[in-house]
Amino acid sequence: MLRLIIAYLIIHTVAKSAQLSVSVNHHYENHPIHLDSFRYKTASSETHSFTRISYILSGFKLEKTDGTLITLHNQHAYIDLKKNTHFSLNNIPPAEYQAIHFHIGLDKKTNHLDPSKYPATHPLSNLRNLHWNWSEGYIFLAIEGHQLINNQKPPTKKGFVYHLANNKYLTHIKISHPLNLKKNASTTLNLNIQSLINSPSPIHFLTDGHISHSVSKDTIAPKIHTNLKKSFSLSNFKNTPNKKNNKKHTPPLYMPKTFKPYPFTIPKNIPIPDLPRDNPLTIDRVTLGKTLFQDTRLSKNNTISCASCHLSNHALSDPRQKSIGIHNTTGLRNSMPLQNLAWKTNFFWDGRAKSLREQIISTITNKSEMHQDLTILPYKIKNLQPLFKKAFGSNKITPEKIALALEAHLLTLTSLNSKFDQATKGKTSLTEQEQRGLKLFFTENDPRTRKRGADCFHCHSGPFFTDHSPHDTGLPSPNDSGLHRITGKQTDISKFITPSLRNIALTAPYMHDGRLKTLEEVIDHYNHTHTKTPNLDPNLSKHGNKGLQLTKQDKAALIAFLKTLTDPKFKKLKKTTNH
């Protein structure tokens, strides 16, 4: 009876609440913002572009017509111009409202909670690249781009990186607008970027600088804080029919009658991954995937397996500059390490595959890799039918099942037990040199505010030391335009997905084409002037011609810290060679 009462109360509560669906529109002079476009000017006529606009919304309250404020508890939104411009407010008491209130940023308590407690899909997950991984908490608002210094050809560009953060810059927004929320509704939240940059407190790159992290004596953060308050508006409010939630759960594919779940465990300081719901991890499915991973018959001439380019003693990476396919065909790039893939949402250096199974099929069929005919493959591995029977309830072998099994195996390949991880748990401690390297890694390089760091954390953030996003790091390839090969956009030339730095000491050579052989070479690349590629990331181009200017001692400390990211389980493996 108690369960029936609780069920009734839940249904009754849902029926008595409304939902507001919000689309976020970023505009400049009433036109949608175009990233990587030099069509914008500051109040002092400084031409600039934007490469990133992302921020956190919280503290939602609705104001009734009598002035009463209704708080919507524990509701947050993560907005990113590239990745996410929609959110919903739920469980709204039906009523007529006259205004909406919210914050850009987080209250002090939430700002300093452990971000790993949120699952990977949560707006406050530390996989959103809006957490600083140190005492300052979250970045509330990130605006990045380039300023055009002159009109020479090619034009000179300097990056700007403006990050609003710290609790004194928690920004309250109030928008007055009639909101009939007696039933579900939708609306558009508008952010005027022109106002954010120019009014009422105009930002000038030349006098204010190109870097802001909301530190003391920062002239930019107060201006952004002021401008934000008048930069939002609402439009296109309309009521929508109350619809029943008919969303169906994705059913598991090919499940046997009996199975044992795979014991997938992760440390408490790591967010729960969003595992594929149609491919549950079972012991038999993972076992089959592990077997297939080592099977050379997946290649057309039976000479290479997945393990041929992903060696265990190299943290599942390839020690050759570029990976070699069948008939000794040299590939275009170095193979990326296979670790912590359960938290990735795009795969390959150019991010073209949106799932592991898509990556797997692409690798098996690629002419420069395995070059396998999928219609023939099931017959080649017919002796594995008993394993397919256990994993999928049928001994029929299909390319889809092969991909599902390999995906299951790859999802279990985690590496989360380095010396750094142990130090964060208080089970060991870093040396003085390693601590110095850690500080350099997470410190902005900004001579204006006397901050001297290696500035690594912008792209190598979060628990996996990567933002999983494409960047141009000043290493153009004559025969490989990176993301541009997929999108065709000129602004994507030379952009490649940021790799994880976990086990970085074991995964040489480095960069997408393996051109840098040592960690010393990598740090020297970032320490000095970069190739002025057209799309060089603003976090690099902001340093100008002088680079980071790290000393010999700085570089040694940084390498010492990077070596603390090595998982000891890979150190213990015996030396192996490529198949």
Protein backbone atom coordinates (compact mmCIF):
# COMPACT_ATOMS: atom_id res chain seq x y z
CA MET A 1 0.00 0.00 0.00
CA LEU A 2 2.83 2.41 0.89
CA ARG A 3 4.40 1.87 -2.55
CA LEU A 4 1.06 2.64 -4.21
CA ILE A 5 0.74 5.86 -2.23
CA ILE A 6 4.28 6.93 -3.16
CA ALA A 7 3.63 6.11 -6.83
CA TYR A 8 0.43 8.16 -6.73
CA LEU A 9 2.21 11.13 -5.17
CA ILE A 10 4.93 11.02 -7.82
CA ILE A 11 2.41 10.89 -10.67
CA HIS A 12 0.34 13.60 -9.03
CA THR A 13 3.40 15.84 -8.60
CA VAL A 14 4.45 15.42 -12.21
CA ALA A 15 0.94 16.17 -13.40
CA LYS A 16 0.92 19.37 -11.32
CA SER A 17 4.22 20.75 -12.66
CA ALA A 18 5.30 22.44 -15.85
CA GLN A 19 8.43 22.36 -17.96
CA LEU A 20 10.15 25.27 -19.70
CA SER A 21 12.30 24.32 -22.70
CA VAL A 22 14.95 26.92 -23.46
CA SER A 23 16.93 27.47 -26.67
CA VAL A 24 19.92 29.78 -26.29
CA ASN A 25 20.65 32.25 -29.06
CA HIS A 26 24.03 34.01 -29.22
CA HIS A 27 23.91 37.07 -31.45
CA TYR A 28 25.90 40.15 -32.44
CA GLU A 29 24.08 43.15 -33.93
CA ASN A 30 20.97 40.94 -34.21
CA HIS A 31 22.79 38.34 -36.29
CA PRO A 32 23.80 34.83 -35.12
CA ILE A 33 27.40 34.58 -33.98
CA HIS A 34 29.78 32.94 -36.46
CA LEU A 35 32.81 31.33 -34.86
CA ASP A 36 36.26 31.89 -36.36
CA SER A 37 35.02 34.91 -38.30
CA PHE A 38 36.73 38.34 -38.19
CA ARG A 39 33.51 40.28 -38.61
CA TYR A 40 33.32 41.79 -35.10
CA LYS A 41 34.71 45.00 -33.62
CA THR A 42 35.18 46.37 -30.14
CA ALA A 43 34.05 49.89 -29.25
CA SER A 44 37.56 51.03 -30.19
CA SER A 45 37.30 49.31 -33.63
CA GLU A 46 39.58 46.35 -32.77
CA THR A 47 38.67 43.57 -35.19
CA HIS A 48 38.29 40.16 -33.56
CA SER A 49 36.77 36.70 -33.82
CA PHE A 50 35.39 34.17 -31.35
CA THR A 51 36.47 30.53 -31.10
CA ARG A 52 34.67 29.60 -27.89
CA ILE A 53 31.74 30.84 -25.81
CA SER A 54 30.70 28.61 -22.92
CA TYR A 55 29.26 29.15 -19.46
CA ILE A 56 27.27 27.75 -16.53
CA LEU A 57 23.75 28.81 -15.47
CA SER A 58 22.43 28.15 -11.97
CA GLY A 59 20.26 29.55 -9.18
CA PHE A 60 17.07 29.58 -11.24
CA LYS A 61 14.11 31.41 -9.70
CA LEU A 62 10.75 32.42 -11.14
CA GLU A 63 9.04 35.58 -9.95
CA LYS A 64 5.25 35.53 -9.62
CA THR A 65 3.12 38.53 -10.46
CA ASP A 66 2.87 39.33 -6.75
CA GLY A 67 6.66 39.37 -6.40
CA THR A 68 6.97 35.96 -4.76
CA LEU A 69 10.10 34.06 -5.82
CA ILE A 70 9.88 30.34 -6.57
CA THR A 71 13.25 28.58 -6.36
CA LEU A 72 13.99 25.71 -8.75
CA HIS A 73 16.39 23.70 -6.65
CA ASN A 74 19.44 21.87 -8.02
CA GLN A 75 18.88 22.82 -11.64
CA HIS A 76 21.89 23.82 -13.72
CA ALA A 77 22.68 24.34 -17.38
CA TYR A 78 25.90 24.05 -19.34
CA ILE A 79 25.90 26.17 -22.49
CA ASP A 80 28.50 25.97 -25.25
CA LEU A 81 28.09 27.63 -28.62
CA LYS A 82 29.58 24.59 -30.37
CA LYS A 83 28.25 21.74 -28.28
CA ASN A 84 25.06 22.61 -26.41
CA THR A 85 22.57 25.47 -26.73
CA HIS A 86 19.48 23.91 -25.15
CA PHE A 87 18.31 23.13 -21.61
CA SER A 88 15.06 22.57 -19.71
CA LEU A 89 13.74 23.76 -16.37
CA ASN A 90 11.56 21.12 -14.75
CA ASN A 91 9.07 20.70 -11.90
CA ILE A 92 7.83 24.28 -12.15
CA PRO A 93 4.75 25.06 -10.01
CA PRO A 94 2.04 26.08 -12.52
CA ALA A 95 1.41 29.82 -12.29
CA GLU A 96 1.67 33.18 -14.03
CA TYR A 97 5.18 34.61 -13.68
CA GLN A 98 6.60 38.01 -14.56
CA ALA A 99 10.35 37.40 -14.49
CA ILE A 100 13.09 34.79 -14.42
CA HIS A 101 16.22 35.04 -12.29
CA PHE A 102 19.44 33.03 -12.64
CA HIS A 103 23.18 33.22 -12.10
CA ILE A 104 26.13 33.02 -14.42
CA GLY A 105 28.34 30.80 -12.28
CA LEU A 106 27.82 28.90 -9.05
CA ASP A 107 27.27 29.72 -5.40
CA LYS A 108 30.30 29.35 -3.14
CA LYS A 109 29.33 25.94 -1.74
CA THR A 110 28.57 24.35 -5.11
CA ASN A 111 31.59 25.98 -6.72
CA HIS A 112 33.95 24.14 -4.38
CA LEU A 113 32.26 20.74 -4.30
CA ASP A 114 34.10 17.78 -5.78
CA PRO A 115 33.14 17.86 -9.50
CA SER A 116 33.74 14.12 -9.87
CA LYS A 117 30.52 13.40 -7.97
CA TYR A 118 28.56 14.40 -11.06
CA PRO A 119 28.04 11.84 -13.85
CA ALA A 120 29.59 12.52 -17.23
CA THR A 121 26.34 13.91 -18.68
CA HIS A 122 25.68 16.39 -15.84
CA PRO A 123 26.09 20.14 -16.58
CA LEU A 124 28.67 20.40 -13.78
CA SER A 125 30.73 17.37 -14.77
CA ASN A 126 34.44 18.13 -14.88
CA LEU A 127 34.40 16.78 -18.43
CA ARG A 128 32.83 20.07 -19.59
CA ASN A 129 36.20 21.85 -19.58
CA LEU A 130 34.85 24.47 -17.19
CA HIS A 131 36.59 23.30 -14.04
CA TRP A 132 40.05 24.51 -13.12
CA ASN A 133 41.12 21.39 -11.20
CA TRP A 134 42.36 23.49 -8.31
CA SER A 135 41.10 25.61 -5.41
CA GLU A 136 39.43 28.25 -7.58
CA GLY A 137 36.58 25.90 -8.56
CA TYR A 138 34.73 26.40 -11.84
CA ILE A 139 35.10 28.81 -14.72
CA PHE A 140 31.74 30.59 -14.85
CA LEU A 141 32.13 32.00 -18.35
CA ALA A 142 34.76 31.38 -21.04
CA ILE A 143 35.12 33.67 -24.06
CA GLU A 144 38.05 32.95 -26.36
CA GLY A 145 39.09 34.14 -29.79
CA HIS A 146 41.58 36.18 -31.79
CA GLN A 147 42.28 39.85 -32.29
CA LEU A 148 43.41 40.97 -35.73
CA ILE A 149 46.48 43.09 -35.06
CA ASN A 150 46.84 44.55 -38.58
CA ASN A 151 45.67 44.13 -42.15
CA GLN A 152 48.80 42.55 -43.56
CA LYS A 153 48.59 39.36 -45.61
CA PRO A 154 48.62 36.98 -43.92
CA PRO A 155 47.18 39.02 -41.05
CA THR A 156 48.81 38.94 -37.63
CA LYS A 157 46.55 37.45 -34.98
CA LYS A 158 46.82 37.32 -31.22
CA GLY A 159 44.61 35.14 -29.09
CA PHE A 160 42.48 36.39 -26.22
CA VAL A 161 41.24 34.18 -23.38
CA TYR A 162 38.70 35.72 -21.01
CA HIS A 163 37.57 33.53 -18.11
CA LEU A 164 35.10 34.85 -15.53
CA ALA A 165 35.47 32.93 -12.27
CA ASN A 166 35.79 33.20 -8.48
CA ASN A 167 32.83 33.79 -6.20
CA LYS A 168 32.99 37.59 -6.26
CA TYR A 169 32.06 37.41 -9.94
CA LEU A 170 28.94 35.28 -9.50
CA THR A 171 26.61 37.30 -11.74
CA HIS A 172 22.88 37.66 -11.05
CA ILE A 173 20.61 38.05 -14.08
CA LYS A 174 16.98 39.16 -13.97
CA ILE A 175 14.83 39.19 -17.10
CA SER A 176 11.33 40.64 -16.86
CA HIS A 177 8.95 38.88 -19.25
CA PRO A 178 5.38 37.49 -18.97
CA LEU A 179 5.62 33.72 -18.47
CA ASN A 180 2.41 31.74 -18.47
CA LEU A 181 3.64 28.47 -16.99
CA LYS A 182 0.32 26.92 -16.12
CA LYS A 183 1.38 24.37 -18.71
CA ASN A 184 4.53 23.47 -20.59
CA ALA A 185 6.21 26.20 -22.59
CA SER A 186 9.28 27.03 -24.67
CA THR A 187 11.30 30.21 -25.04
CA THR A 188 14.53 31.61 -26.45
CA LEU A 189 17.22 33.02 -24.16
CA ASN A 190 19.24 35.62 -26.06
CA LEU A 191 22.82 36.59 -25.21
CA ASN A 192 23.99 39.76 -26.94
CA ILE A 193 27.73 39.26 -27.39
CA GLN A 194 28.16 42.80 -28.73
CA SER A 195 26.82 44.14 -25.43
CA LEU A 196 28.95 41.67 -23.46
CA ILE A 197 32.12 43.04 -25.09
CA ASN A 198 31.20 46.71 -25.51
CA SER A 199 28.48 47.96 -23.18
CA PRO A 200 28.27 49.63 -20.75
CA SER A 201 31.95 48.91 -19.94
CA PRO A 202 33.85 48.52 -23.24
CA ILE A 203 36.76 46.07 -23.34
CA HIS A 204 39.91 47.15 -25.20
CA PHE A 205 42.44 44.47 -26.09
CA LEU A 206 45.29 46.95 -26.34
CA THR A 207 44.84 48.52 -22.90
CA ASP A 208 43.04 45.76 -20.96
CA GLY A 209 45.08 42.84 -22.26
CA HIS A 210 44.36 39.48 -23.84
CA ILE A 211 44.12 37.30 -20.72
CA SER A 212 41.68 37.32 -17.83
CA HIS A 213 41.31 34.75 -15.08
CA SER A 214 39.46 36.99 -12.61
CA VAL A 215 42.55 37.56 -10.48
CA SER A 216 43.33 40.70 -8.46
CA LYS A 217 44.07 43.86 -10.49
CA ASP A 218 42.26 42.26 -13.44
CA THR A 219 40.55 45.03 -15.43
CA ILE A 220 38.61 42.70 -17.73
CA ALA A 221 36.63 40.52 -15.28
CA PRO A 222 34.82 43.50 -13.65
CA LYS A 223 33.78 44.73 -17.10
CA ILE A 224 32.42 41.35 -18.16
CA HIS A 225 30.62 41.07 -14.82
CA THR A 226 28.97 44.46 -15.40
CA ASN A 227 28.13 43.90 -19.05
CA LEU A 228 26.58 40.48 -18.47
CA LYS A 229 23.76 41.93 -16.39
CA LYS A 230 22.30 43.77 -19.39
CA SER A 231 23.19 41.29 -22.14
CA PHE A 232 20.38 38.73 -21.74
CA SER A 233 16.79 38.85 -22.97
CA LEU A 234 13.88 36.48 -23.62
CA SER A 235 11.86 36.07 -26.80
CA ASN A 236 9.57 33.62 -28.62
CA PHE A 237 7.75 32.49 -25.48
CA LYS A 238 4.90 30.13 -26.28
CA ASN A 239 2.94 27.44 -24.54
CA THR A 240 3.29 23.88 -25.76
CA PRO A 241 0.96 20.91 -25.19
CA ASN A 242 1.59 18.82 -22.10
CA LYS A 243 2.79 15.55 -23.56
CA LYS A 244 3.28 12.27 -21.84
CA ASN A 245 6.83 11.08 -21.69
CA ASN A 246 6.78 8.36 -24.33
CA LYS A 247 10.54 8.20 -24.61
CA LYS A 248 11.53 4.57 -24.89
CA HIS A 249 14.67 3.22 -23.33
CA THR A 250 17.20 1.86 -25.79
CA PRO A 251 16.86 -1.93 -25.57
CA PRO A 252 19.99 -4.08 -25.21
CA LEU A 253 21.07 -5.78 -28.43
CA TYR A 254 21.28 -9.56 -28.70
CA MET A 255 21.15 -10.41 -25.01
CA PRO A 256 21.43 -14.09 -24.02
CA LYS A 257 18.92 -15.54 -21.53
CA THR A 258 21.55 -15.68 -18.81
CA PHE A 259 24.63 -13.51 -18.42
CA LYS A 260 26.99 -12.12 -15.80
CA PRO A 261 27.57 -8.34 -15.72
CA TYR A 262 31.18 -7.28 -16.11
CA PRO A 263 32.48 -5.76 -12.83
CA PHE A 264 33.24 -2.30 -14.24
CA THR A 265 34.61 -0.29 -11.33
CA ILE A 266 36.01 3.24 -11.21
CA PRO A 267 37.54 5.33 -8.41
CA LYS A 268 35.34 7.75 -6.48
CA ASN A 269 37.12 10.75 -7.94
CA ILE A 270 36.10 9.84 -11.51
CA PRO A 271 32.66 10.75 -12.95
CA ILE A 272 30.31 7.91 -13.89
CA PRO A 273 30.56 7.40 -17.69
CA ASP A 274 27.58 7.38 -20.01
CA LEU A 275 27.99 3.80 -21.23
CA PRO A 276 26.04 2.65 -24.33
CA ARG A 277 22.67 1.36 -23.18
CA ASP A 278 22.29 -1.01 -26.12
CA ASN A 279 25.57 -2.78 -25.38
CA PRO A 280 25.64 -3.81 -21.70
CA LEU A 281 29.01 -4.90 -20.38
CA THR A 282 28.91 -8.63 -19.69
CA ILE A 283 31.79 -10.94 -18.88
CA ASP A 284 31.22 -13.05 -22.00
CA ARG A 285 30.93 -10.04 -24.29
CA VAL A 286 34.13 -8.47 -22.93
CA THR A 287 35.94 -11.83 -23.17
CA LEU A 288 34.94 -12.19 -26.81
CA GLY A 289 36.06 -8.63 -27.52
CA LYS A 290 39.44 -9.29 -25.92
CA THR A 291 39.86 -12.39 -28.07
CA LEU A 292 38.97 -10.47 -31.25
CA PHE A 293 41.36 -7.67 -30.29
CA GLN A 294 44.28 -10.11 -30.58
CA ASP A 295 43.01 -11.93 -33.71
CA THR A 296 44.99 -11.23 -36.89
CA ARG A 297 42.19 -12.71 -39.00
CA LEU A 298 40.39 -9.36 -38.69
CA SER A 299 42.83 -8.14 -41.35
CA LYS A 300 42.48 -9.13 -45.00
CA ASN A 301 45.75 -11.08 -45.20
CA ASN A 302 45.78 -12.27 -41.55
CA THR A 303 48.93 -10.32 -40.67
CA ILE A 304 47.83 -7.67 -38.15
CA SER A 305 45.40 -7.41 -35.26
CA CYS A 306 44.14 -4.46 -33.23
CA ALA A 307 46.94 -5.20 -30.78
CA SER A 308 49.52 -4.71 -33.54
CA CYS A 309 49.11 -0.93 -33.30
CA HIS A 310 48.12 -0.76 -29.65
CA LEU A 311 50.88 -2.38 -27.59
CA SER A 312 50.26 -3.05 -23.92
CA ASN A 313 53.74 -2.06 -22.78
CA HIS A 314 53.28 1.28 -24.55
CA ALA A 315 49.99 1.98 -22.75
CA LEU A 316 48.06 0.65 -25.75
CA SER A 317 49.71 3.03 -28.21
CA ASP A 318 52.06 2.53 -31.18
CA PRO A 319 55.79 3.31 -30.71
CA ARG A 320 56.23 3.77 -34.47
CA GLN A 321 55.89 7.27 -35.90
CA LYS A 322 52.97 6.22 -38.08
CA SER A 323 51.03 2.99 -37.85
CA ILE A 324 51.58 0.26 -40.44
CA GLY A 325 48.71 -1.59 -42.11
CA ILE A 326 48.65 -4.74 -44.20
CA HIS A 327 51.25 -5.02 -46.99
CA ASN A 328 53.37 -2.64 -44.86
CA THR A 329 51.17 0.29 -45.87
CA THR A 330 52.15 3.38 -43.88
CA GLY A 331 49.18 5.16 -42.38
CA LEU A 332 48.54 8.88 -42.15
CA ARG A 333 48.85 9.21 -38.37
CA ASN A 334 50.20 7.72 -35.17
CA SER A 335 47.72 5.45 -33.38
CA MET A 336 46.11 7.06 -30.33
CA PRO A 337 46.30 5.16 -27.00
CA LEU A 338 43.26 3.06 -26.08
CA GLN A 339 42.48 4.05 -22.51
CA ASN A 340 39.52 5.59 -20.69
CA LEU A 341 37.45 5.45 -23.87
CA ALA A 342 34.24 5.07 -21.86
CA TRP A 343 34.33 8.84 -21.31
CA LYS A 344 34.99 9.86 -24.93
CA THR A 345 32.30 10.92 -27.38
CA ASN A 346 34.42 11.23 -30.53
CA PHE A 347 37.20 9.05 -31.85
CA PHE A 348 40.25 9.25 -34.15
CA TRP A 349 42.49 12.32 -34.31
CA ASP A 350 39.85 14.16 -36.30
CA GLY A 351 36.89 13.01 -34.19
CA ARG A 352 35.06 11.63 -37.21
CA ALA A 353 33.70 8.54 -35.43
CA LYS A 354 30.98 9.24 -32.88
CA SER A 355 31.07 5.82 -31.24
CA LEU A 356 33.60 3.10 -30.60
CA ARG A 357 31.77 0.63 -32.82
CA GLU A 358 31.93 3.13 -35.69
CA GLN A 359 35.67 3.52 -35.11
CA ILE A 360 36.11 -0.26 -35.03
CA ILE A 361 34.35 -0.90 -38.34
CA SER A 362 36.24 1.97 -39.96
CA THR A 363 39.58 0.53 -38.85
CA ILE A 364 38.76 -3.00 -39.99
CA THR A 365 37.66 -1.86 -43.47
CA ASN A 366 40.19 0.96 -44.05
CA LYS A 367 42.46 0.20 -47.01
CA SER A 368 45.58 1.49 -45.25
CA GLU A 369 44.84 -0.49 -42.09
CA MET A 370 43.14 -3.91 -42.04
CA HIS A 371 41.31 -3.65 -45.38
CA GLN A 372 38.92 -6.44 -44.47
CA ASP A 373 35.75 -7.36 -46.39
CA LEU A 374 32.95 -7.48 -43.80
CA THR A 375 31.00 -10.04 -45.81
CA ILE A 376 33.92 -12.46 -45.56
CA LEU A 377 35.03 -11.82 -41.99
CA PRO A 378 32.28 -13.87 -40.25
CA TYR A 379 33.36 -16.97 -42.17
CA LYS A 380 37.03 -16.44 -41.32
CA ILE A 381 36.35 -16.53 -37.58
CA LYS A 382 33.69 -19.25 -37.66
CA ASN A 383 35.54 -21.20 -34.95
CA LEU A 384 34.57 -18.44 -32.48
CA GLN A 385 30.86 -19.28 -32.74
CA PRO A 386 30.75 -20.72 -29.18
CA LEU A 387 32.01 -17.41 -27.80
CA PHE A 388 29.42 -15.49 -29.85
CA LYS A 389 26.75 -17.85 -28.51
CA LYS A 390 27.71 -16.98 -24.92
CA ALA A 391 27.98 -13.25 -25.61
CA PHE A 392 24.90 -12.75 -27.79
CA GLY A 393 22.64 -15.78 -27.30
CA SER A 394 23.22 -16.98 -30.86
CA ASN A 395 26.21 -18.42 -32.66
CA LYS A 396 25.52 -16.29 -35.73
CA ILE A 397 28.47 -14.00 -36.41
CA THR A 398 27.81 -10.56 -37.91
CA PRO A 399 29.92 -7.41 -38.34
CA GLU A 400 27.63 -5.64 -35.86
CA LYS A 401 28.27 -8.24 -33.17
CA ILE A 402 32.01 -8.08 -33.84
CA ALA A 403 31.90 -4.32 -33.31
CA LEU A 404 29.77 -4.64 -30.16
CA ALA A 405 32.15 -7.19 -28.63
CA LEU A 406 35.24 -5.13 -29.41
CA GLU A 407 33.49 -2.03 -28.09
CA ALA A 408 32.69 -3.83 -24.83
CA HIS A 409 36.34 -4.80 -24.40
CA LEU A 410 37.65 -1.33 -25.22
CA LEU A 411 35.26 0.32 -22.77
CA THR A 412 36.86 -1.65 -19.93
CA LEU A 413 40.40 -0.43 -20.69
CA THR A 414 40.85 2.12 -17.93
CA SER A 415 43.98 3.71 -16.51
CA LEU A 416 43.25 5.66 -13.32
CA ASN A 417 45.85 4.58 -10.79
CA SER A 418 48.94 6.70 -11.40
CA LYS A 419 51.18 8.22 -8.76
CA PHE A 420 49.26 11.46 -9.28
CA ASP A 421 45.98 9.65 -8.48
CA GLN A 422 47.51 8.12 -5.38
CA ALA A 423 48.78 11.53 -4.28
CA THR A 424 45.33 13.10 -4.63
CA LYS A 425 44.01 10.38 -2.32
CA GLY A 426 46.74 11.04 0.25
CA LYS A 427 48.30 7.60 -0.24
CA THR A 428 51.62 8.99 -1.44
CA SER A 429 53.16 12.39 -2.01
CA LEU A 430 54.80 14.14 -4.94
CA THR A 431 58.42 15.21 -4.75
CA GLU A 432 59.27 18.89 -4.59
CA GLN A 433 60.16 18.85 -8.29
CA GLU A 434 56.91 17.05 -9.23
CA GLN A 435 54.89 19.57 -7.19
CA ARG A 436 56.66 22.39 -8.99
CA GLY A 437 55.72 20.75 -12.31
CA LEU A 438 52.10 20.39 -11.22
CA LYS A 439 51.94 24.08 -10.34
CA LEU A 440 53.42 25.02 -13.71
CA PHE A 441 50.97 22.72 -15.50
CA PHE A 442 47.94 24.38 -13.90
CA THR A 443 49.18 27.98 -13.96
CA GLU A 444 48.35 30.57 -16.59
CA ASN A 445 51.26 32.31 -18.29
CA ASP A 446 50.37 36.00 -18.01
CA PRO A 447 53.23 38.48 -17.53
CA ARG A 448 50.74 41.32 -16.94
CA THR A 449 49.64 39.70 -13.67
CA ARG A 450 53.07 38.18 -12.95
CA LYS A 451 51.85 34.64 -13.46
CA ARG A 452 54.49 32.40 -15.02
CA GLY A 453 53.24 28.96 -15.88
CA ALA A 454 53.20 26.31 -18.59
CA ASP A 455 49.52 26.96 -19.36
CA CYS A 456 48.81 23.27 -20.11
CA PHE A 457 45.47 22.98 -18.32
CA HIS A 458 43.41 24.83 -20.93
CA CYS A 459 43.45 21.86 -23.31
CA HIS A 460 44.59 19.10 -20.97
CA SER A 461 41.92 19.51 -18.32
CA GLY A 462 39.73 17.25 -16.19
CA PRO A 463 40.47 13.81 -14.76
CA PHE A 464 41.71 12.52 -18.13
CA PHE A 465 43.93 15.51 -18.89
CA THR A 466 42.17 16.31 -22.15
CA ASP A 467 39.20 18.39 -23.24
CA HIS A 468 38.50 15.90 -26.08
CA SER A 469 38.23 18.88 -28.45
CA PRO A 470 40.00 19.84 -31.69
CA HIS A 471 42.76 22.46 -31.60
CA ASP A 472 45.39 23.81 -33.97
CA THR A 473 48.67 23.62 -32.04
CA GLY A 474 50.93 25.03 -34.74
CA LEU A 475 51.97 21.74 -36.33
CA PRO A 476 50.65 21.80 -39.91
CA SER A 477 50.97 18.68 -42.06
CA PRO A 478 51.35 18.99 -45.85
CA ASN A 479 49.20 15.89 -46.49
CA ASP A 480 46.87 16.02 -43.50
CA SER A 481 44.55 18.94 -42.85
CA GLY A 482 43.00 17.32 -39.76
CA LEU A 483 39.38 18.14 -38.96
CA HIS A 484 39.16 19.99 -42.28
CA ARG A 485 39.20 16.60 -44.06
CA ILE A 486 35.85 15.88 -42.39
CA THR A 487 34.10 19.26 -42.35
CA GLY A 488 35.60 20.97 -45.37
CA LYS A 489 35.81 24.22 -43.38
CA GLN A 490 38.90 26.35 -43.85
CA THR A 491 38.71 27.25 -40.16
CA ASP A 492 39.26 23.56 -39.28
CA ILE A 493 42.57 23.16 -41.10
CA SER A 494 45.29 21.70 -38.84
CA LYS A 495 42.88 21.02 -35.98
CA PHE A 496 43.27 17.68 -34.19
CA ILE A 497 41.62 16.21 -31.09
CA THR A 498 43.58 16.78 -27.88
CA PRO A 499 45.02 13.45 -26.66
CA SER A 500 45.01 12.43 -23.02
CA LEU A 501 48.24 12.95 -21.10
CA ARG A 502 47.72 9.88 -18.96
CA ASN A 503 50.67 7.50 -19.46
CA ILE A 504 52.26 10.15 -21.66
CA ALA A 505 55.76 8.97 -20.70
CA LEU A 506 54.99 5.60 -22.34
CA THR A 507 53.25 6.73 -25.52
CA ALA A 508 56.03 8.32 -27.60
CA PRO A 509 56.25 9.47 -30.33
CA TYR A 510 53.95 12.47 -29.95
CA MET A 511 51.45 14.57 -31.91
CA HIS A 512 49.08 13.33 -34.61
CA ASP A 513 51.89 12.36 -36.98
CA GLY A 514 54.44 11.26 -34.38
CA ARG A 515 56.89 13.95 -35.44
CA LEU A 516 58.10 14.72 -31.90
CA LYS A 517 60.09 11.90 -30.35
CA THR A 518 60.46 13.00 -26.72
CA LEU A 519 58.63 14.94 -24.03
CA GLU A 520 61.46 17.45 -24.14
CA GLU A 521 60.69 18.13 -27.80
CA VAL A 522 56.99 18.56 -27.03
CA ILE A 523 57.64 21.10 -24.28
CA ASP A 524 60.15 22.96 -26.47
CA HIS A 525 57.48 23.20 -29.17
CA TYR A 526 55.06 24.92 -26.79
CA ASN A 527 57.80 26.91 -25.07
CA HIS A 528 58.94 28.75 -28.18
CA THR A 529 57.30 30.60 -31.04
CA HIS A 530 54.74 28.45 -32.84
CA THR A 531 54.19 28.18 -36.55
CA LYS A 532 51.71 30.95 -37.31
CA THR A 533 49.05 28.67 -38.73
CA PRO A 534 45.79 30.38 -39.74
CA ASN A 535 43.80 28.63 -37.01
CA LEU A 536 46.35 28.54 -34.19
CA ASP A 537 44.48 28.13 -30.92
CA PRO A 538 44.07 31.41 -28.99
CA ASN A 539 45.52 29.78 -25.87
CA LEU A 540 48.77 29.55 -27.84
CA SER A 541 48.66 32.66 -30.02
CA LYS A 542 47.97 34.86 -26.97
CA HIS A 543 51.64 34.41 -25.97
CA GLY A 544 52.89 36.30 -29.01
CA ASN A 545 56.41 35.86 -30.35
CA LYS A 546 58.10 35.27 -26.99
CA GLY A 547 56.40 31.98 -26.14
CA LEU A 548 56.22 30.67 -22.57
CA GLN A 549 59.88 31.30 -21.76
CA LEU A 550 60.14 28.32 -19.39
CA THR A 551 63.58 27.82 -17.88
CA LYS A 552 65.56 24.58 -18.03
CA GLN A 553 64.51 23.88 -14.43
CA ASP A 554 60.86 24.60 -15.30
CA LYS A 555 60.92 22.12 -18.16
CA ALA A 556 62.53 19.42 -16.01
CA ALA A 557 59.89 19.94 -13.31
CA LEU A 558 57.08 19.77 -15.86
CA ILE A 559 58.39 16.47 -17.25
CA ALA A 560 58.73 15.11 -13.71
CA PHE A 561 55.05 15.88 -13.12
CA LEU A 562 53.98 14.36 -16.44
CA LYS A 563 55.71 11.13 -15.45
CA THR A 564 53.49 10.93 -12.35
CA LEU A 565 50.58 10.29 -14.75
CA THR A 566 51.97 6.83 -15.60
CA ASP A 567 49.91 3.86 -14.45
CA PRO A 568 52.26 1.34 -12.79
CA LYS A 569 50.41 -1.60 -14.36
CA PHE A 570 51.97 -0.70 -17.72
CA LYS A 571 55.46 -0.40 -16.23
CA LYS A 572 55.36 -4.02 -15.12
CA LEU A 573 54.64 -5.43 -18.58
CA LYS A 574 57.40 -7.24 -20.42
CA LYS A 575 58.74 -5.71 -23.60
CA THR A 576 56.77 -6.71 -26.68
CA THR A 577 57.14 -5.97 -30.36
CA ASN A 578 54.69 -5.08 -33.10
CA HIS A 579 53.12 -8.07 -34.81
